[in-house]
C-alpha cells in the first residue's frame, strides 16, 4: 500500500497540478477533434498546444502586447491574427473549434470576447475554454478580473448562443489550499521578505517549524482528502466546453 501511494504521489505533481491538469485536459479535448477541423487558439501566446492540433488546420490569435518573459515559453509563437479578441478578422462561422486558455481574465471585455467566439464558430462548433476562479496578479498590467464562476459561464455562454455547457473544476478546495500553503512557505523563506535583521532572525526558527507541515503534510493531506470535497468552492479554475447552436459540424 505504501509503495502504491508513493507511486501515485510521484505521478500526481503533488505540489504543482494546475498547469499539468490543464495541459492534460486540452490534449484530451484535442483528440476528440476530427482531422482537418478548423481550429483557432485565441490568446495563444507561445502556442503550447499547437502540437495537439497537428491533425487540424490550426490558427492562432493574440494581441501581441506581452513581454517575452511573461509568456510560457519565453516568447510568442507564430501568430496568424494579431488583433483584439473582440474583433477577429475572419468570416462568420470560419472555425469548427475555438480554444481559449487562461485569457478571459486578461481582457477588459470578456463578455464581448465570448460573443466573438460565437460569431466565428460554425453552427455545432465547439468552444474549449479555461480561466481561473482565483489567481494572483500576473501578466500585468493586462490582468483585469479575479476569476470566473460556473454561473458566469452558464449565463454568458447561453446568452451568446451556446448550449451543452460542461464545467469541470480543476481539482477541489483542499488542493487549492495546499497550493497556497506552499506559496506561503516560498514567499516567507528567510531572506525573501524585506524584514529587519532582528525580525529575520526571530522568523527563521518559526519558518523551519512550519516548513514540513505546510510544504509536506498539508499537500499530502489535501491530495488524499480532496476527492471528498463535494462543493469545490475554492478550485483554482474550471475547464469548460460548449457547443455553438445549430447543426453539428462534427468537430
Protein backbone atom coordinates (compact mmCIF):
# COMPACT_ATOMS: atom_id res chain seq x y z
CA UNK A 1 0.00 0.00 0.00
CA UNK A 2 2.81 2.40 0.89
CA UNK A 3 4.58 1.65 -2.38
CA UNK A 4 1.36 2.26 -4.33
CA UNK A 5 0.80 5.57 -2.53
CA UNK A 6 4.38 6.58 -3.27
CA UNK A 7 3.89 5.86 -6.97
CA UNK A 8 0.63 7.82 -7.05
CA UNK A 9 2.23 10.78 -5.34
CA UNK A 10 5.14 10.68 -7.78
CA UNK A 11 2.73 10.86 -10.70
CA UNK A 12 0.47 13.44 -9.12
CA UNK A 13 2.69 16.55 -9.27
CA UNK A 14 1.70 16.95 -5.64
CA UNK A 15 2.97 20.49 -5.31
CA UNK A 16 2.05 21.80 -8.77
CA UNK A 17 -1.04 20.46 -10.50
CA UNK A 18 -2.86 23.39 -12.13
CA UNK A 19 -0.87 23.63 -15.35
CA UNK A 20 -0.42 19.87 -15.64
CA UNK A 21 -4.16 19.24 -15.37
CA UNK A 22 -4.98 21.95 -17.89
CA UNK A 23 -2.44 20.58 -20.37
CA UNK A 24 -3.86 17.11 -19.97
CA UNK A 25 -7.41 18.39 -20.47
CA UNK A 26 -6.52 20.24 -23.67
CA UNK A 27 -4.76 17.15 -25.00
CA UNK A 28 -7.82 15.02 -24.27
CA UNK A 29 -10.13 17.52 -25.97
CA UNK A 30 -7.84 17.76 -28.99
CA UNK A 31 -8.06 14.01 -29.53
CA UNK A 32 -11.83 14.39 -29.90
CA UNK A 33 -11.49 16.89 -32.74
CA UNK A 34 -11.85 15.42 -36.22
CA UNK A 35 -8.97 15.50 -38.65
CA UNK A 36 -8.94 18.62 -40.79
CA UNK A 37 -11.13 20.67 -38.44
CA UNK A 38 -10.54 24.41 -38.46
CA UNK A 39 -9.17 25.42 -35.04
CA UNK A 40 -8.28 28.84 -33.68
CA UNK A 41 -6.30 29.25 -30.46
CA UNK A 42 -7.33 32.63 -29.03
CA UNK A 43 -4.70 34.28 -26.86
CA UNK A 44 -2.24 31.63 -28.00
CA UNK A 45 0.94 33.39 -26.87
CA UNK A 46 3.73 30.85 -27.30
CA UNK A 47 1.18 28.33 -28.68
CA UNK A 48 1.96 25.46 -26.28
CA UNK A 49 -0.95 23.44 -27.66
CA UNK A 50 -0.06 23.62 -31.34
CA UNK A 51 1.30 20.06 -31.27
CA UNK A 52 -2.04 18.66 -30.06
CA UNK A 53 -3.81 20.00 -33.14
CA UNK A 54 -1.33 18.83 -35.77
CA UNK A 55 -4.17 16.87 -37.40
CA UNK A 56 -6.19 20.08 -37.83
CA UNK A 57 -5.99 23.39 -39.64
CA UNK A 58 -4.63 25.30 -36.64
CA UNK A 59 -4.55 29.10 -36.45
CA UNK A 60 -3.51 31.43 -33.64
CA UNK A 61 -4.67 34.81 -32.34
CA UNK A 62 -3.10 37.15 -29.82
CA UNK A 63 -2.94 40.87 -29.18
CA UNK A 64 0.85 40.61 -29.02
CA UNK A 65 1.37 43.05 -26.18
CA UNK A 66 3.22 40.97 -23.56
CA UNK A 67 6.92 40.85 -22.83
CA UNK A 68 8.77 37.64 -23.70
CA UNK A 69 9.35 36.90 -20.01
CA UNK A 70 5.58 36.95 -19.40
CA UNK A 71 4.96 34.12 -21.85
CA UNK A 72 5.10 30.44 -21.05
CA UNK A 73 7.93 29.56 -23.43
CA UNK A 74 9.71 32.89 -23.35
CA UNK A 75 8.26 34.46 -26.46
CA UNK A 76 5.46 34.49 -28.99
CA UNK A 77 4.99 31.69 -31.47
CA UNK A 78 3.76 32.43 -34.99
CA UNK A 79 0.53 34.45 -34.60
CA UNK A 80 -1.85 34.40 -37.55
CA UNK A 81 -4.24 37.10 -36.25
CA UNK A 82 -2.59 39.92 -34.28
CA UNK A 83 -5.70 41.70 -33.07
CA UNK A 84 -8.15 42.30 -30.24
CA UNK A 85 -10.03 39.14 -29.29
CA UNK A 86 -13.28 41.14 -29.54
CA UNK A 87 -12.77 41.60 -33.27
CA UNK A 88 -11.01 38.76 -35.07
CA UNK A 89 -10.72 39.42 -38.82
CA UNK A 90 -12.34 36.21 -40.04
CA UNK A 91 -15.69 35.35 -41.56
CA UNK A 92 -18.71 34.27 -39.57
CA UNK A 93 -18.55 30.54 -38.87
CA UNK A 94 -14.94 30.30 -40.04
CA UNK A 95 -13.87 27.79 -37.38
CA UNK A 96 -15.01 24.45 -36.02
CA UNK A 97 -13.20 24.80 -32.67
CA UNK A 98 -12.21 27.78 -30.55
CA UNK A 99 -9.58 27.13 -27.88
CA UNK A 100 -9.06 29.82 -25.25
CA UNK A 101 -6.97 29.02 -22.17
CA UNK A 102 -6.33 31.46 -19.29
CA UNK A 103 -7.18 34.51 -21.38
CA UNK A 104 -10.57 35.88 -20.27
CA UNK A 105 -9.16 37.40 -17.08
CA UNK A 106 -6.76 39.43 -19.22
CA UNK A 107 -9.35 41.09 -21.44
CA UNK A 108 -11.29 44.18 -20.29
CA UNK A 109 -14.49 42.98 -22.02
CA UNK A 110 -14.69 39.18 -21.64
CA UNK A 111 -18.41 39.02 -22.47
CA UNK A 112 -17.72 40.67 -25.83
CA UNK A 113 -14.96 38.10 -26.39
CA UNK A 114 -17.38 35.23 -25.75
CA UNK A 115 -19.80 36.74 -28.27
CA UNK A 116 -16.99 36.91 -30.81
CA UNK A 117 -16.31 33.21 -30.22
CA UNK A 118 -19.93 32.51 -31.11
CA UNK A 119 -19.64 34.59 -34.29
CA UNK A 120 -16.54 32.88 -35.66
CA UNK A 121 -17.67 29.36 -34.73
CA UNK A 122 -19.64 27.35 -37.25
CA UNK A 123 -23.02 26.02 -36.07
CA UNK A 124 -22.31 22.94 -33.97
CA UNK A 125 -18.72 24.10 -33.40
CA UNK A 126 -17.07 23.55 -30.04
CA UNK A 127 -15.68 26.05 -27.55
CA UNK A 128 -12.89 24.92 -25.22
CA UNK A 129 -12.13 27.47 -22.55
CA UNK A 130 -10.35 27.68 -19.21
CA UNK A 131 -9.92 30.59 -16.81
CA UNK A 132 -9.04 30.90 -13.13
CA UNK A 133 -11.53 31.25 -10.32
CA UNK A 134 -8.80 32.85 -8.25
CA UNK A 135 -5.21 33.77 -9.03
CA UNK A 136 -2.55 36.25 -8.11
CA UNK A 137 -1.82 39.19 -10.38
CA UNK A 138 0.11 38.07 -13.45
CA UNK A 139 0.95 39.29 -16.95
CA UNK A 140 0.45 42.80 -15.60
CA UNK A 141 -0.79 45.33 -16.47
CA UNK A 142 -3.16 43.17 -18.53
CA UNK A 143 -4.93 41.41 -15.66
CA UNK A 144 -8.40 42.78 -15.07
CA UNK A 145 -10.55 40.17 -13.31
CA UNK A 146 -10.14 37.89 -10.32
CA UNK A 147 -11.91 34.87 -11.75
CA UNK A 148 -14.93 33.21 -13.33
CA UNK A 149 -17.59 31.10 -11.65
CA UNK A 150 -19.77 28.33 -13.14
CA UNK A 151 -22.65 30.82 -13.03
CA UNK A 152 -20.72 33.21 -15.26
CA UNK A 153 -20.16 30.54 -17.87
CA UNK A 154 -23.75 29.31 -17.82
CA UNK A 155 -25.24 32.79 -18.10
CA UNK A 156 -22.99 34.41 -20.68
CA UNK A 157 -22.30 31.37 -22.85
CA UNK A 158 -26.03 30.73 -23.11
CA UNK A 159 -26.69 34.39 -23.96
CA UNK A 160 -24.02 34.24 -26.66
CA UNK A 161 -25.69 31.26 -28.31
CA UNK A 162 -24.02 28.22 -26.78
CA UNK A 163 -25.60 25.10 -25.34
CA UNK A 164 -24.44 21.80 -23.80
CA UNK A 165 -22.14 23.69 -21.45
CA UNK A 166 -19.99 21.40 -19.30
CA UNK A 167 -17.93 22.77 -16.42
CA UNK A 168 -15.31 20.76 -14.53
CA UNK A 169 -13.28 22.06 -11.60
CA UNK A 170 -9.51 21.82 -11.83
CA UNK A 171 -9.25 19.92 -8.51
CA UNK A 172 -11.06 20.92 -5.34
CA UNK A 173 -10.74 23.33 -2.45
CA UNK A 174 -8.21 21.33 -0.46
CA UNK A 175 -5.73 21.15 -3.32
CA UNK A 176 -6.15 24.90 -3.73
CA UNK A 177 -5.46 25.48 -0.03
CA UNK A 178 -2.38 23.25 -0.24
CA UNK A 179 -1.08 25.22 -3.22
CA UNK A 180 -1.37 28.43 -1.22
CA UNK A 181 0.31 26.83 1.79
CA UNK A 182 3.31 26.02 -0.38
CA UNK A 183 3.22 29.55 -1.79
CA UNK A 184 3.31 30.92 1.78
CA UNK A 185 6.44 28.87 2.53
CA UNK A 186 8.16 30.11 -0.61
CA UNK A 187 7.23 33.75 -0.09
CA UNK A 188 8.28 33.86 3.56
CA UNK A 189 11.54 31.90 3.33
CA UNK A 190 14.36 33.64 5.23
CA UNK A 191 15.76 36.47 3.18
CA UNK A 192 12.81 36.64 0.78
CA UNK A 193 10.98 39.42 2.63
CA UNK A 194 12.24 42.94 3.32
CA UNK A 195 12.40 42.42 7.08
CA UNK A 196 14.78 43.96 9.60
CA UNK A 197 17.64 41.67 10.62
CA UNK A 198 16.22 41.09 14.10
CA UNK A 199 12.83 40.09 12.72
CA UNK A 200 14.50 37.78 10.20
CA UNK A 201 16.48 36.03 12.94
CA UNK A 202 13.32 35.55 15.01
CA UNK A 203 11.39 34.28 11.98
CA UNK A 204 13.89 31.62 10.89
CA UNK A 205 13.04 29.02 13.59
CA UNK A 206 9.30 29.64 13.15
CA UNK A 207 9.61 29.15 9.40
CA UNK A 208 11.66 25.99 9.93
CA UNK A 209 8.93 24.58 12.17
CA UNK A 210 6.20 25.43 9.65
CA UNK A 211 8.10 24.13 6.63
CA UNK A 212 7.43 20.38 6.94
CA UNK A 213 3.79 20.93 7.88
CA UNK A 214 2.91 23.44 5.16
CA UNK A 215 5.12 22.05 2.40
CA UNK A 216 4.65 18.32 3.05
CA UNK A 217 1.87 17.38 5.47
CA UNK A 218 -0.76 19.77 4.10
CA UNK A 219 -0.15 18.91 0.39
CA UNK A 220 -0.24 15.17 1.09
CA UNK A 221 -3.35 15.51 3.23
CA UNK A 222 -5.02 17.63 0.58
CA UNK A 223 -4.12 15.13 -2.12
CA UNK A 224 -5.70 12.29 -0.17
CA UNK A 225 -8.79 14.18 1.01
CA UNK A 226 -9.59 16.37 -1.97
CA UNK A 227 -11.72 13.69 -3.66
CA UNK A 228 -14.20 14.05 -0.81
CA UNK A 229 -14.73 17.76 -1.42
CA UNK A 230 -18.19 17.84 -2.98
CA UNK A 231 -18.60 21.62 -3.17
CA UNK A 232 -15.25 22.61 -4.75
CA UNK A 233 -15.93 26.25 -3.95
CA UNK A 234 -12.27 27.27 -3.94
CA UNK A 235 -10.95 25.48 -7.00
CA UNK A 236 -8.17 27.22 -8.93
CA UNK A 237 -10.32 27.32 -12.04
CA UNK A 238 -12.61 25.47 -14.45
CA UNK A 239 -12.32 23.58 -17.71
CA UNK A 240 -15.34 24.39 -19.86
CA UNK A 241 -16.77 23.08 -23.12
CA UNK A 242 -19.77 24.38 -25.02
CA UNK A 243 -21.42 23.87 -28.39
CA UNK A 244 -22.46 26.63 -30.79
CA UNK A 245 -26.17 26.48 -31.53
CA UNK A 246 -27.01 24.98 -34.92
CA UNK A 247 -26.38 21.83 -36.90
CA UNK A 248 -23.29 19.91 -35.81
CA UNK A 249 -20.10 20.28 -37.82
CA UNK A 250 -18.76 17.03 -36.30
CA UNK A 251 -15.79 18.90 -34.83
